[in-house]
Amino acid sequence: MAVETKYTYDFTGRLARGKDLSQEIAATSIPIAVERIDRLGDSLDVVMKDVLIAGDVTILDAAVAAHTGIAPPIPVDRVKIVHTEVEELTLLIHGFSGLATLNDVTNIDYTLTEAREIEGASLFVYDHTPGDKVDIEFWEPTGPSLVKQYGCDVTIPPSGELAEIRGDETSAIPSGFIMRIVYTSVGTTGNQPRVGCNVRWQH
């Protein structure tokens, strides 16, 4: 009969990303799966689905020691769409990101340096809590006043990845205007949610 077993590590001054660490452990030769990873203060618990043999404990120790706690980069890419009737149109996918405060509402802003025709946006969230929500907004900076909103209190799915959020039509946003991720966190413990946004615009 399998017995959940906890392995505790001192993480004083270290970052930890439970989802990433679970994947890193799963990529080793350890045959036992991770049940969960808990962080409380400077202590990190790796809970395995069963007891590990001595050799596997050594492998686990090495995987935890190698864990950086740094999230993978937000994917940024450039694609081309050819309009057969008129001309070639390039869509630029631009990424920006930030950290959200636990149990609070955080604004993560990006200021457009050129006028853009916005096509839509996708979100990637790491270390979120079930019930976290997000809006994507565009603000005129001198008012300031809200000029466009994509989504309203959209719930972050368990995967942390939101498919593209789009308005009814392409939005012309002037230079200097602010694109804002409004992130509402309901979590009270653990890592701060890291929020990334890929915005699609005509270039």
N, C-alpha and C. Protein backbone atom coordinates (compact mmCIF):
# COMPACT_ATOMS: atom_id res chain seq x y z
N MET A 1 0.84 -1.19 0.00
CA MET A 1 0.00 0.00 0.00
C MET A 1 0.88 1.25 0.00
N ALA A 2 0.58 2.15 -0.90
CA ALA A 2 1.37 3.37 -1.01
C ALA A 2 1.12 4.28 0.20
N VAL A 3 2.20 4.93 0.65
CA VAL A 3 2.12 5.84 1.79
C VAL A 3 2.72 7.18 1.39
N GLU A 4 1.90 8.22 1.38
CA GLU A 4 2.44 9.55 1.07
C GLU A 4 3.58 9.89 2.03
N THR A 5 4.67 10.40 1.47
CA THR A 5 5.86 10.68 2.27
C THR A 5 6.36 12.08 1.96
N LYS A 6 6.65 12.82 3.04
CA LYS A 6 7.08 14.22 2.90
C LYS A 6 8.59 14.33 3.06
N TYR A 7 9.20 15.11 2.16
CA TYR A 7 10.63 15.41 2.22
C TYR A 7 10.76 16.92 2.34
N THR A 8 11.38 17.38 3.40
CA THR A 8 11.41 18.80 3.73
C THR A 8 12.78 19.39 3.43
N TYR A 9 12.76 20.60 2.85
CA TYR A 9 13.99 21.28 2.46
C TYR A 9 13.97 22.72 2.97
N ASP A 10 15.16 23.21 3.32
CA ASP A 10 15.32 24.60 3.73
C ASP A 10 15.42 25.47 2.48
N PHE A 11 14.46 26.37 2.28
CA PHE A 11 14.47 27.24 1.11
C PHE A 11 14.66 28.71 1.50
N THR A 12 15.40 28.94 2.56
CA THR A 12 15.66 30.31 2.99
C THR A 12 16.34 31.09 1.87
N GLY A 13 15.73 32.21 1.48
CA GLY A 13 16.30 33.05 0.44
C GLY A 13 16.20 32.49 -0.96
N ARG A 14 15.41 31.45 -1.16
CA ARG A 14 15.30 30.83 -2.48
C ARG A 14 13.88 30.95 -3.02
N LEU A 15 13.78 31.05 -4.34
CA LEU A 15 12.50 31.03 -5.00
C LEU A 15 12.08 29.59 -5.25
N ALA A 16 10.76 29.37 -5.30
CA ALA A 16 10.25 28.04 -5.61
C ALA A 16 8.99 28.17 -6.44
N ARG A 17 8.89 27.38 -7.48
CA ARG A 17 7.69 27.32 -8.31
C ARG A 17 7.23 25.87 -8.32
N GLY A 18 6.15 25.61 -7.55
CA GLY A 18 5.72 24.23 -7.33
C GLY A 18 5.44 23.47 -8.60
N LYS A 19 4.74 24.12 -9.54
CA LYS A 19 4.41 23.43 -10.79
C LYS A 19 5.66 23.05 -11.58
N ASP A 20 6.60 23.99 -11.67
CA ASP A 20 7.84 23.72 -12.41
C ASP A 20 8.68 22.64 -11.71
N LEU A 21 8.77 22.73 -10.37
CA LEU A 21 9.57 21.74 -9.65
C LEU A 21 8.96 20.35 -9.80
N SER A 22 7.64 20.25 -9.78
CA SER A 22 7.00 18.94 -9.98
C SER A 22 7.38 18.35 -11.33
N GLN A 23 7.40 19.20 -12.37
CA GLN A 23 7.77 18.73 -13.69
C GLN A 23 9.24 18.32 -13.75
N GLU A 24 10.10 19.06 -13.06
CA GLU A 24 11.53 18.73 -13.03
C GLU A 24 11.77 17.39 -12.33
N ILE A 25 11.03 17.15 -11.24
CA ILE A 25 11.17 15.86 -10.55
C ILE A 25 10.64 14.72 -11.42
N ALA A 26 9.52 14.98 -12.11
CA ALA A 26 8.93 13.96 -12.98
C ALA A 26 9.87 13.59 -14.12
N ALA A 27 10.73 14.51 -14.51
CA ALA A 27 11.67 14.26 -15.61
C ALA A 27 12.88 13.43 -15.18
N THR A 28 13.05 13.19 -13.88
CA THR A 28 14.15 12.36 -13.39
C THR A 28 13.78 10.88 -13.51
N SER A 29 14.65 10.04 -13.02
CA SER A 29 14.39 8.59 -13.07
C SER A 29 13.61 8.08 -11.88
N ILE A 30 13.16 8.98 -11.00
CA ILE A 30 12.38 8.55 -9.83
C ILE A 30 11.05 7.96 -10.30
N PRO A 31 10.73 6.73 -9.92
CA PRO A 31 9.50 6.09 -10.42
C PRO A 31 8.24 6.52 -9.67
N ILE A 32 8.41 7.15 -8.52
CA ILE A 32 7.27 7.59 -7.71
C ILE A 32 6.88 9.01 -8.12
N ALA A 33 5.57 9.25 -8.25
CA ALA A 33 5.09 10.56 -8.68
C ALA A 33 4.99 11.52 -7.50
N VAL A 34 5.05 12.82 -7.83
CA VAL A 34 4.86 13.87 -6.83
C VAL A 34 3.36 14.02 -6.55
N GLU A 35 2.99 14.05 -5.29
CA GLU A 35 1.60 14.30 -4.90
C GLU A 35 1.32 15.80 -4.87
N ARG A 36 2.20 16.56 -4.21
CA ARG A 36 2.06 18.01 -4.16
C ARG A 36 3.35 18.61 -3.60
N ILE A 37 3.46 19.93 -3.73
CA ILE A 37 4.58 20.67 -3.15
C ILE A 37 4.02 21.82 -2.34
N ASP A 38 4.43 21.91 -1.08
CA ASP A 38 3.93 22.94 -0.17
C ASP A 38 5.08 23.85 0.25
N ARG A 39 4.79 25.14 0.32
CA ARG A 39 5.78 26.12 0.79
C ARG A 39 5.19 26.86 1.98
N LEU A 40 5.89 26.84 3.09
CA LEU A 40 5.48 27.58 4.27
C LEU A 40 6.71 28.30 4.83
N GLY A 41 6.73 29.62 4.62
CA GLY A 41 7.89 30.38 5.07
C GLY A 41 9.14 29.95 4.32
N ASP A 42 10.18 29.61 5.09
CA ASP A 42 11.45 29.19 4.48
C ASP A 42 11.54 27.67 4.30
N SER A 43 10.46 26.98 4.55
CA SER A 43 10.45 25.52 4.45
C SER A 43 9.65 25.08 3.22
N LEU A 44 10.19 24.13 2.47
CA LEU A 44 9.50 23.58 1.31
C LEU A 44 9.36 22.08 1.48
N ASP A 45 8.12 21.59 1.35
CA ASP A 45 7.83 20.16 1.47
C ASP A 45 7.51 19.58 0.11
N VAL A 46 8.23 18.53 -0.27
CA VAL A 46 7.91 17.76 -1.46
C VAL A 46 7.22 16.49 -0.98
N VAL A 47 5.95 16.36 -1.29
CA VAL A 47 5.17 15.19 -0.85
C VAL A 47 5.07 14.22 -2.02
N MET A 48 5.66 13.05 -1.84
CA MET A 48 5.64 12.01 -2.86
C MET A 48 4.51 11.03 -2.57
N LYS A 49 4.05 10.35 -3.62
CA LYS A 49 2.92 9.42 -3.47
C LYS A 49 3.29 8.16 -2.70
N ASP A 50 4.60 7.91 -2.53
CA ASP A 50 5.05 6.74 -1.77
C ASP A 50 6.46 7.00 -1.26
N VAL A 51 6.94 6.13 -0.42
CA VAL A 51 8.29 6.25 0.14
C VAL A 51 9.33 6.04 -0.96
N LEU A 52 10.38 6.84 -0.93
CA LEU A 52 11.47 6.69 -1.90
C LEU A 52 12.58 5.83 -1.32
N ILE A 53 13.22 5.06 -2.18
CA ILE A 53 14.42 4.34 -1.75
C ILE A 53 15.56 5.35 -1.64
N ALA A 54 16.65 4.94 -0.99
CA ALA A 54 17.75 5.86 -0.71
C ALA A 54 18.29 6.50 -1.98
N GLY A 55 18.45 5.71 -3.04
CA GLY A 55 18.99 6.26 -4.29
C GLY A 55 18.09 7.31 -4.89
N ASP A 56 16.78 7.11 -4.77
CA ASP A 56 15.84 8.08 -5.32
C ASP A 56 15.79 9.35 -4.47
N VAL A 57 16.02 9.21 -3.17
CA VAL A 57 16.11 10.40 -2.31
C VAL A 57 17.28 11.27 -2.75
N THR A 58 18.39 10.63 -3.09
CA THR A 58 19.56 11.38 -3.57
C THR A 58 19.23 12.13 -4.86
N ILE A 59 18.50 11.48 -5.75
CA ILE A 59 18.09 12.13 -7.01
C ILE A 59 17.14 13.28 -6.72
N LEU A 60 16.20 13.08 -5.79
CA LEU A 60 15.28 14.15 -5.41
C LEU A 60 16.03 15.33 -4.83
N ASP A 61 16.99 15.06 -3.95
CA ASP A 61 17.79 16.13 -3.36
C ASP A 61 18.48 16.96 -4.44
N ALA A 62 19.01 16.29 -5.45
CA ALA A 62 19.71 16.98 -6.52
C ALA A 62 18.75 17.83 -7.36
N ALA A 63 17.55 17.28 -7.62
CA ALA A 63 16.56 18.03 -8.41
C ALA A 63 16.11 19.28 -7.66
N VAL A 64 15.89 19.15 -6.37
CA VAL A 64 15.47 20.31 -5.56
C VAL A 64 16.60 21.32 -5.49
N ALA A 65 17.83 20.86 -5.32
CA ALA A 65 18.97 21.78 -5.25
C ALA A 65 19.16 22.55 -6.54
N ALA A 66 18.84 21.90 -7.67
CA ALA A 66 19.04 22.54 -8.98
C ALA A 66 17.88 23.48 -9.35
N HIS A 67 16.78 23.41 -8.63
CA HIS A 67 15.61 24.22 -8.96
C HIS A 67 15.90 25.70 -8.74
N THR A 68 15.66 26.52 -9.76
CA THR A 68 15.97 27.96 -9.67
C THR A 68 14.78 28.79 -9.22
N GLY A 69 13.55 28.30 -9.43
CA GLY A 69 12.37 29.08 -9.10
C GLY A 69 12.07 30.18 -10.09
N ILE A 70 12.82 30.20 -11.20
CA ILE A 70 12.61 31.22 -12.23
C ILE A 70 11.69 30.66 -13.29
N ALA A 71 10.63 31.40 -13.59
CA ALA A 71 9.64 30.93 -14.56
C ALA A 71 10.22 30.91 -15.96
N PRO A 72 9.74 30.00 -16.82
CA PRO A 72 10.18 30.00 -18.22
C PRO A 72 9.73 31.28 -18.90
N PRO A 73 10.44 31.70 -19.95
CA PRO A 73 10.07 32.95 -20.61
C PRO A 73 8.70 32.88 -21.26
N ILE A 74 8.02 34.01 -21.31
CA ILE A 74 6.76 34.11 -22.02
C ILE A 74 7.05 33.96 -23.52
N PRO A 75 6.33 33.06 -24.23
CA PRO A 75 6.61 32.87 -25.66
C PRO A 75 6.34 34.15 -26.46
N VAL A 76 7.30 34.54 -27.26
CA VAL A 76 7.13 35.69 -28.14
C VAL A 76 7.54 35.25 -29.55
N ASP A 77 6.71 35.52 -30.53
CA ASP A 77 7.00 35.04 -31.88
C ASP A 77 6.47 36.03 -32.90
N ARG A 78 6.91 35.89 -34.12
CA ARG A 78 6.44 36.72 -35.21
C ARG A 78 5.90 35.82 -36.32
N VAL A 79 4.69 36.10 -36.78
CA VAL A 79 4.09 35.31 -37.84
C VAL A 79 3.66 36.23 -38.96
N LYS A 80 3.52 35.69 -40.15
CA LYS A 80 3.07 36.46 -41.30
C LYS A 80 1.82 35.85 -41.88
N ILE A 81 0.87 36.69 -42.20
CA ILE A 81 -0.37 36.27 -42.85
C ILE A 81 -0.43 36.96 -44.21
N VAL A 82 -0.62 36.21 -45.25
CA VAL A 82 -0.66 36.78 -46.60
C VAL A 82 -2.10 36.98 -47.02
N HIS A 83 -2.44 38.21 -47.38
CA HIS A 83 -3.76 38.54 -47.92
C HIS A 83 -3.65 38.43 -49.45
N THR A 84 -4.28 37.45 -50.02
CA THR A 84 -4.10 37.17 -51.44
C THR A 84 -4.64 38.29 -52.32
N GLU A 85 -5.63 39.05 -51.85
CA GLU A 85 -6.24 40.06 -52.70
C GLU A 85 -5.47 41.36 -52.73
N VAL A 86 -4.81 41.69 -51.60
CA VAL A 86 -4.24 43.03 -51.53
C VAL A 86 -2.74 42.99 -51.27
N GLU A 87 -2.34 42.66 -50.05
CA GLU A 87 -0.93 42.79 -49.69
C GLU A 87 -0.62 41.86 -48.52
N GLU A 88 0.66 41.79 -48.23
CA GLU A 88 1.10 41.00 -47.10
C GLU A 88 0.94 41.83 -45.82
N LEU A 89 0.42 41.18 -44.79
CA LEU A 89 0.22 41.85 -43.51
C LEU A 89 0.97 41.07 -42.44
N THR A 90 1.78 41.77 -41.65
CA THR A 90 2.51 41.11 -40.59
C THR A 90 1.83 41.37 -39.26
N LEU A 91 1.61 40.30 -38.50
CA LEU A 91 1.10 40.43 -37.15
C LEU A 91 2.26 40.21 -36.18
N LEU A 92 2.50 41.16 -35.31
CA LEU A 92 3.55 41.04 -34.31
C LEU A 92 2.94 40.60 -33.00
N ILE A 93 3.50 39.57 -32.40
CA ILE A 93 3.06 39.12 -31.09
C ILE A 93 4.07 39.61 -30.07
N HIS A 94 3.65 40.57 -29.26
CA HIS A 94 4.56 41.20 -28.30
C HIS A 94 4.22 40.75 -26.89
N GLY A 95 5.21 40.32 -26.12
CA GLY A 95 4.97 39.83 -24.77
C GLY A 95 5.44 40.80 -23.70
N PHE A 96 4.68 40.90 -22.63
CA PHE A 96 5.13 41.60 -21.43
C PHE A 96 4.56 40.88 -20.22
N SER A 97 5.14 41.10 -19.05
CA SER A 97 4.73 40.32 -17.89
C SER A 97 4.97 41.11 -16.60
N GLY A 98 4.46 40.56 -15.51
CA GLY A 98 4.66 41.18 -14.20
C GLY A 98 4.17 40.27 -13.09
N LEU A 99 4.41 40.67 -11.85
CA LEU A 99 3.99 39.90 -10.69
C LEU A 99 2.74 40.52 -10.08
N ALA A 100 1.80 39.68 -9.67
CA ALA A 100 0.60 40.14 -8.99
C ALA A 100 0.75 39.95 -7.49
N THR A 101 0.16 40.83 -6.71
CA THR A 101 0.20 40.75 -5.25
C THR A 101 -0.87 39.77 -4.77
N LEU A 102 -0.49 38.90 -3.83
CA LEU A 102 -1.44 37.94 -3.29
C LEU A 102 -2.60 38.65 -2.59
N ASN A 103 -3.81 38.09 -2.77
CA ASN A 103 -5.01 38.57 -2.08
C ASN A 103 -5.24 40.06 -2.28
N ASP A 104 -5.06 40.52 -3.52
CA ASP A 104 -5.22 41.94 -3.82
C ASP A 104 -5.48 42.10 -5.31
N VAL A 105 -5.76 43.33 -5.73
CA VAL A 105 -5.92 43.66 -7.15
C VAL A 105 -4.66 44.38 -7.61
N THR A 106 -4.04 43.88 -8.67
CA THR A 106 -2.79 44.44 -9.17
C THR A 106 -2.97 44.89 -10.61
N ASN A 107 -2.47 46.08 -10.95
CA ASN A 107 -2.43 46.56 -12.33
C ASN A 107 -1.03 46.33 -12.89
N ILE A 108 -0.96 45.63 -14.00
CA ILE A 108 0.30 45.40 -14.71
C ILE A 108 0.19 46.13 -16.04
N ASP A 109 0.99 47.19 -16.21
CA ASP A 109 0.82 48.11 -17.33
C ASP A 109 1.92 47.98 -18.38
N TYR A 110 1.54 48.21 -19.61
CA TYR A 110 2.48 48.34 -20.72
C TYR A 110 2.06 49.54 -21.55
N THR A 111 2.99 50.48 -21.77
CA THR A 111 2.68 51.70 -22.52
C THR A 111 3.09 51.51 -23.98
N LEU A 112 2.15 51.71 -24.89
CA LEU A 112 2.42 51.59 -26.32
C LEU A 112 3.34 52.72 -26.77
N THR A 113 4.40 52.38 -27.45
CA THR A 113 5.34 53.40 -27.96
C THR A 113 5.01 53.84 -29.37
N GLU A 114 4.08 53.13 -30.02
CA GLU A 114 3.59 53.50 -31.34
C GLU A 114 2.09 53.21 -31.39
N ALA A 115 1.40 53.90 -32.30
CA ALA A 115 -0.01 53.58 -32.52
C ALA A 115 -0.11 52.16 -33.08
N ARG A 116 -1.09 51.39 -32.61
CA ARG A 116 -1.21 49.99 -33.02
C ARG A 116 -2.67 49.64 -33.30
N GLU A 117 -2.82 48.69 -34.22
CA GLU A 117 -4.13 48.08 -34.48
C GLU A 117 -4.14 46.76 -33.71
N ILE A 118 -4.79 46.75 -32.56
CA ILE A 118 -4.75 45.60 -31.67
C ILE A 118 -5.72 44.52 -32.17
N GLU A 119 -5.21 43.30 -32.31
CA GLU A 119 -6.02 42.16 -32.77
C GLU A 119 -6.61 41.36 -31.62
N GLY A 120 -5.89 41.27 -30.51
CA GLY A 120 -6.34 40.46 -29.38
C GLY A 120 -5.17 40.19 -28.46
N ALA A 121 -5.40 39.42 -27.41
CA ALA A 121 -4.34 39.14 -26.44
C ALA A 121 -4.58 37.78 -25.80
N SER A 122 -3.47 37.12 -25.43
CA SER A 122 -3.52 35.85 -24.70
C SER A 122 -2.78 36.02 -23.38
N LEU A 123 -3.18 35.27 -22.37
CA LEU A 123 -2.55 35.36 -21.06
C LEU A 123 -1.97 34.02 -20.64
N PHE A 124 -0.84 34.10 -19.92
CA PHE A 124 -0.22 32.93 -19.31
C PHE A 124 0.03 33.27 -17.85
N VAL A 125 -0.44 32.43 -16.94
CA VAL A 125 -0.31 32.72 -15.51
C VAL A 125 0.35 31.53 -14.82
N TYR A 126 1.32 31.83 -13.99
CA TYR A 126 1.99 30.80 -13.19
C TYR A 126 1.70 31.07 -11.71
N ASP A 127 1.55 30.00 -10.92
CA ASP A 127 1.33 30.09 -9.47
C ASP A 127 0.03 30.82 -9.12
N HIS A 128 -1.00 30.62 -9.91
CA HIS A 128 -2.28 31.23 -9.60
C HIS A 128 -3.07 30.36 -8.62
N THR A 129 -4.11 30.94 -8.05
CA THR A 129 -5.01 30.25 -7.13
C THR A 129 -6.37 30.12 -7.79
N PRO A 130 -7.05 28.96 -7.66
CA PRO A 130 -8.40 28.85 -8.21
C PRO A 130 -9.29 30.00 -7.71
N GLY A 131 -9.94 30.65 -8.66
CA GLY A 131 -10.76 31.80 -8.31
C GLY A 131 -10.13 33.12 -8.70
N ASP A 132 -8.83 33.13 -9.06
CA ASP A 132 -8.19 34.35 -9.55
C ASP A 132 -8.87 34.80 -10.85
N LYS A 133 -8.96 36.11 -11.06
CA LYS A 133 -9.64 36.64 -12.24
C LYS A 133 -8.78 37.72 -12.89
N VAL A 134 -9.13 38.05 -14.15
CA VAL A 134 -8.32 39.02 -14.89
C VAL A 134 -9.18 39.79 -15.87
N ASP A 135 -8.83 41.06 -16.09
CA ASP A 135 -9.37 41.88 -17.18
C ASP A 135 -8.19 42.37 -18.01
N ILE A 136 -8.44 42.67 -19.29
CA ILE A 136 -7.46 43.37 -20.12
C ILE A 136 -8.10 44.68 -20.54
N GLU A 137 -7.43 45.80 -20.23
CA GLU A 137 -8.02 47.11 -20.47
C GLU A 137 -7.03 48.02 -21.21
N PHE A 138 -7.57 49.01 -21.90
CA PHE A 138 -6.76 50.05 -22.55
C PHE A 138 -7.19 51.40 -21.99
N TRP A 139 -6.19 52.19 -21.55
CA TRP A 139 -6.47 53.46 -20.88
C TRP A 139 -5.83 54.62 -21.62
N GLU A 140 -6.58 55.71 -21.73
CA GLU A 140 -6.04 56.99 -22.19
C GLU A 140 -5.28 57.59 -21.02
N PRO A 141 -4.00 57.97 -21.19
CA PRO A 141 -3.14 58.25 -20.04
C PRO A 141 -3.38 59.59 -19.35
N THR A 142 -3.87 60.60 -20.02
CA THR A 142 -3.92 61.93 -19.41
C THR A 142 -5.15 62.14 -18.55
N GLY A 143 -6.22 61.36 -18.78
CA GLY A 143 -7.45 61.49 -18.02
C GLY A 143 -7.31 61.10 -16.57
N PRO A 144 -6.98 59.83 -16.24
CA PRO A 144 -7.01 58.77 -17.26
C PRO A 144 -8.44 58.24 -17.43
N SER A 145 -8.73 57.66 -18.58
CA SER A 145 -10.06 57.11 -18.80
C SER A 145 -9.95 55.80 -19.57
N LEU A 146 -10.87 54.89 -19.27
CA LEU A 146 -10.90 53.58 -19.92
C LEU A 146 -11.49 53.74 -21.32
N VAL A 147 -10.76 53.23 -22.34
CA VAL A 147 -11.25 53.37 -23.70
C VAL A 147 -11.64 52.02 -24.33
N LYS A 148 -11.13 50.92 -23.78
CA LYS A 148 -11.42 49.60 -24.35
C LYS A 148 -11.18 48.54 -23.30
N GLN A 149 -12.00 47.50 -23.32
CA GLN A 149 -11.84 46.40 -22.39
C GLN A 149 -12.05 45.08 -23.11
N TYR A 150 -11.12 44.12 -22.89
CA TYR A 150 -11.27 42.77 -23.39
C TYR A 150 -11.55 41.87 -22.19
N GLY A 151 -12.73 41.30 -22.11
CA GLY A 151 -13.06 40.43 -21.00
C GLY A 151 -13.36 41.23 -19.74
N CYS A 152 -14.10 40.64 -18.83
CA CYS A 152 -14.43 41.28 -17.55
C CYS A 152 -14.50 40.19 -16.50
N ASP A 153 -13.59 40.25 -15.53
CA ASP A 153 -13.52 39.23 -14.48
C ASP A 153 -13.48 37.82 -15.08
N VAL A 154 -12.56 37.63 -16.03
CA VAL A 154 -12.39 36.31 -16.64
C VAL A 154 -11.64 35.41 -15.67
N THR A 155 -12.20 34.25 -15.35
CA THR A 155 -11.58 33.33 -14.39
C THR A 155 -10.39 32.62 -15.04
N ILE A 156 -9.27 32.57 -14.32
CA ILE A 156 -8.09 31.87 -14.81
C ILE A 156 -8.35 30.37 -14.75
N PRO A 157 -8.19 29.63 -15.86
CA PRO A 157 -8.43 28.19 -15.85
C PRO A 157 -7.33 27.45 -15.09
N PRO A 158 -7.56 26.19 -14.72
CA PRO A 158 -6.55 25.44 -13.96
C PRO A 158 -5.18 25.39 -14.63
N SER A 159 -5.15 25.37 -15.97
CA SER A 159 -3.87 25.31 -16.68
C SER A 159 -3.10 26.61 -16.57
N GLY A 160 -3.77 27.71 -16.24
CA GLY A 160 -3.12 29.01 -16.19
C GLY A 160 -2.98 29.68 -17.54
N GLU A 161 -3.50 29.04 -18.60
CA GLU A 161 -3.37 29.61 -19.94
C GLU A 161 -4.75 29.99 -20.47
N LEU A 162 -4.90 31.26 -20.81
CA LEU A 162 -6.14 31.75 -21.39
C LEU A 162 -5.98 31.86 -22.90
N ALA A 163 -6.93 31.29 -23.63
CA ALA A 163 -6.92 31.44 -25.09
C ALA A 163 -7.09 32.92 -25.43
N GLU A 164 -6.91 33.24 -26.67
CA GLU A 164 -6.94 34.65 -27.08
C GLU A 164 -8.27 35.31 -26.72
N ILE A 165 -8.14 36.48 -26.11
CA ILE A 165 -9.29 37.31 -25.77
C ILE A 165 -9.36 38.43 -26.80
N ARG A 166 -10.50 38.56 -27.46
CA ARG A 166 -10.61 39.56 -28.52
C ARG A 166 -11.87 40.38 -28.34
N GLY A 167 -11.83 41.60 -28.85
CA GLY A 167 -13.01 42.43 -28.88
C GLY A 167 -13.84 42.11 -30.11
N ASP A 168 -14.85 42.90 -30.35
CA ASP A 168 -15.72 42.68 -31.50
C ASP A 168 -15.01 42.98 -32.82
N GLU A 169 -13.99 43.82 -32.77
CA GLU A 169 -13.27 44.22 -33.98
C GLU A 169 -11.87 44.67 -33.60
N THR A 170 -11.01 44.85 -34.62
CA THR A 170 -9.67 45.36 -34.37
C THR A 170 -9.76 46.76 -33.77
N SER A 171 -8.95 47.00 -32.75
CA SER A 171 -9.00 48.28 -32.03
C SER A 171 -7.78 49.13 -32.37
N ALA A 172 -7.99 50.38 -32.80
CA ALA A 172 -6.90 51.31 -33.07
C ALA A 172 -6.55 52.00 -31.76
N ILE A 173 -5.35 51.73 -31.22
CA ILE A 173 -4.91 52.30 -29.95
C ILE A 173 -3.75 53.26 -30.22
N PRO A 174 -3.87 54.54 -29.86
CA PRO A 174 -2.82 55.52 -30.15
C PRO A 174 -1.55 55.27 -29.32
N SER A 175 -0.45 55.84 -29.78
CA SER A 175 0.80 55.80 -29.04
C SER A 175 0.64 56.49 -27.69
N GLY A 176 1.28 55.96 -26.67
CA GLY A 176 1.21 56.53 -25.34
C GLY A 176 0.09 55.99 -24.49
N PHE A 177 -0.86 55.29 -25.12
CA PHE A 177 -1.94 54.71 -24.34
C PHE A 177 -1.42 53.49 -23.57
N ILE A 178 -2.14 53.13 -22.53
CA ILE A 178 -1.69 52.09 -21.61
C ILE A 178 -2.52 50.82 -21.80
N MET A 179 -1.84 49.70 -22.01
CA MET A 179 -2.50 48.40 -21.97
C MET A 179 -2.32 47.86 -20.56
N ARG A 180 -3.40 47.49 -19.92
CA ARG A 180 -3.36 47.13 -18.50
C ARG A 180 -3.98 45.76 -18.27
N ILE A 181 -3.23 44.89 -17.57
CA ILE A 181 -3.78 43.65 -17.04
C ILE A 181 -4.23 43.95 -15.61
N VAL A 182 -5.50 43.78 -15.34
CA VAL A 182 -6.03 43.95 -13.98
C VAL A 182 -6.21 42.56 -13.40
N TYR A 183 -5.35 42.20 -12.46
CA TYR A 183 -5.33 40.84 -11.91
C TYR A 183 -5.85 40.84 -10.49
N THR A 184 -6.89 40.04 -10.25
CA THR A 184 -7.46 39.91 -8.91
C THR A 184 -7.06 38.57 -8.33
N SER A 185 -6.26 38.61 -7.28
CA SER A 185 -5.77 37.39 -6.63
C SER A 185 -6.59 37.11 -5.37
N VAL A 186 -7.00 35.85 -5.22
CA VAL A 186 -7.71 35.44 -4.00
C VAL A 186 -6.82 34.60 -3.09
N GLY A 187 -5.62 34.27 -3.57
CA GLY A 187 -4.71 33.46 -2.77
C GLY A 187 -4.09 34.26 -1.64
N THR A 188 -3.72 33.57 -0.56
CA THR A 188 -3.12 34.23 0.60
C THR A 188 -1.73 33.68 0.94
N THR A 189 -1.37 32.53 0.39
CA THR A 189 -0.06 31.93 0.68
C THR A 189 0.58 31.46 -0.62
N GLY A 190 1.88 31.20 -0.53
CA GLY A 190 2.60 30.70 -1.71
C GLY A 190 3.25 31.81 -2.50
N ASN A 191 3.66 31.47 -3.73
CA ASN A 191 4.33 32.44 -4.59
C ASN A 191 3.34 33.44 -5.16
N GLN A 192 3.85 34.63 -5.46
CA GLN A 192 3.03 35.61 -6.16
C GLN A 192 2.73 35.11 -7.57
N PRO A 193 1.50 35.28 -8.06
CA PRO A 193 1.20 34.90 -9.44
C PRO A 193 2.05 35.70 -10.42
N ARG A 194 2.63 35.02 -11.41
CA ARG A 194 3.37 35.70 -12.48
C ARG A 194 2.48 35.70 -13.71
N VAL A 195 2.21 36.89 -14.21
CA VAL A 195 1.25 37.06 -15.27
C VAL A 195 1.96 37.54 -16.53
N GLY A 196 1.77 36.84 -17.63
CA GLY A 196 2.34 37.24 -18.91
C GLY A 196 1.24 37.47 -19.92
N CYS A 197 1.46 38.42 -20.80
CA CYS A 197 0.47 38.74 -21.82
C CYS A 197 1.14 38.78 -23.18
N ASN A 198 0.58 38.08 -24.14
CA ASN A 198 0.99 38.19 -25.54
C ASN A 198 -0.09 38.99 -26.26
N VAL A 199 0.26 40.15 -26.76
CA VAL A 199 -0.71 40.99 -27.46
C VAL A 199 -0.42 40.95 -28.95
N ARG A 200 -1.45 40.75 -29.76
CA ARG A 200 -1.30 40.68 -31.21
C ARG A 200 -1.69 42.03 -31.83
N TRP A 201 -0.78 42.57 -32.63
CA TRP A 201 -1.11 43.80 -33.32
C TRP A 201 -0.60 43.78 -34.74
N GLN A 202 -1.22 44.56 -35.61
CA GLN A 202 -0.76 44.68 -36.98
C GLN A 202 0.50 45.54 -37.01
N HIS A 203 1.42 45.14 -37.87
CA HIS A 203 2.71 45.84 -37.93
C HIS A 203 3.06 46.15 -39.39
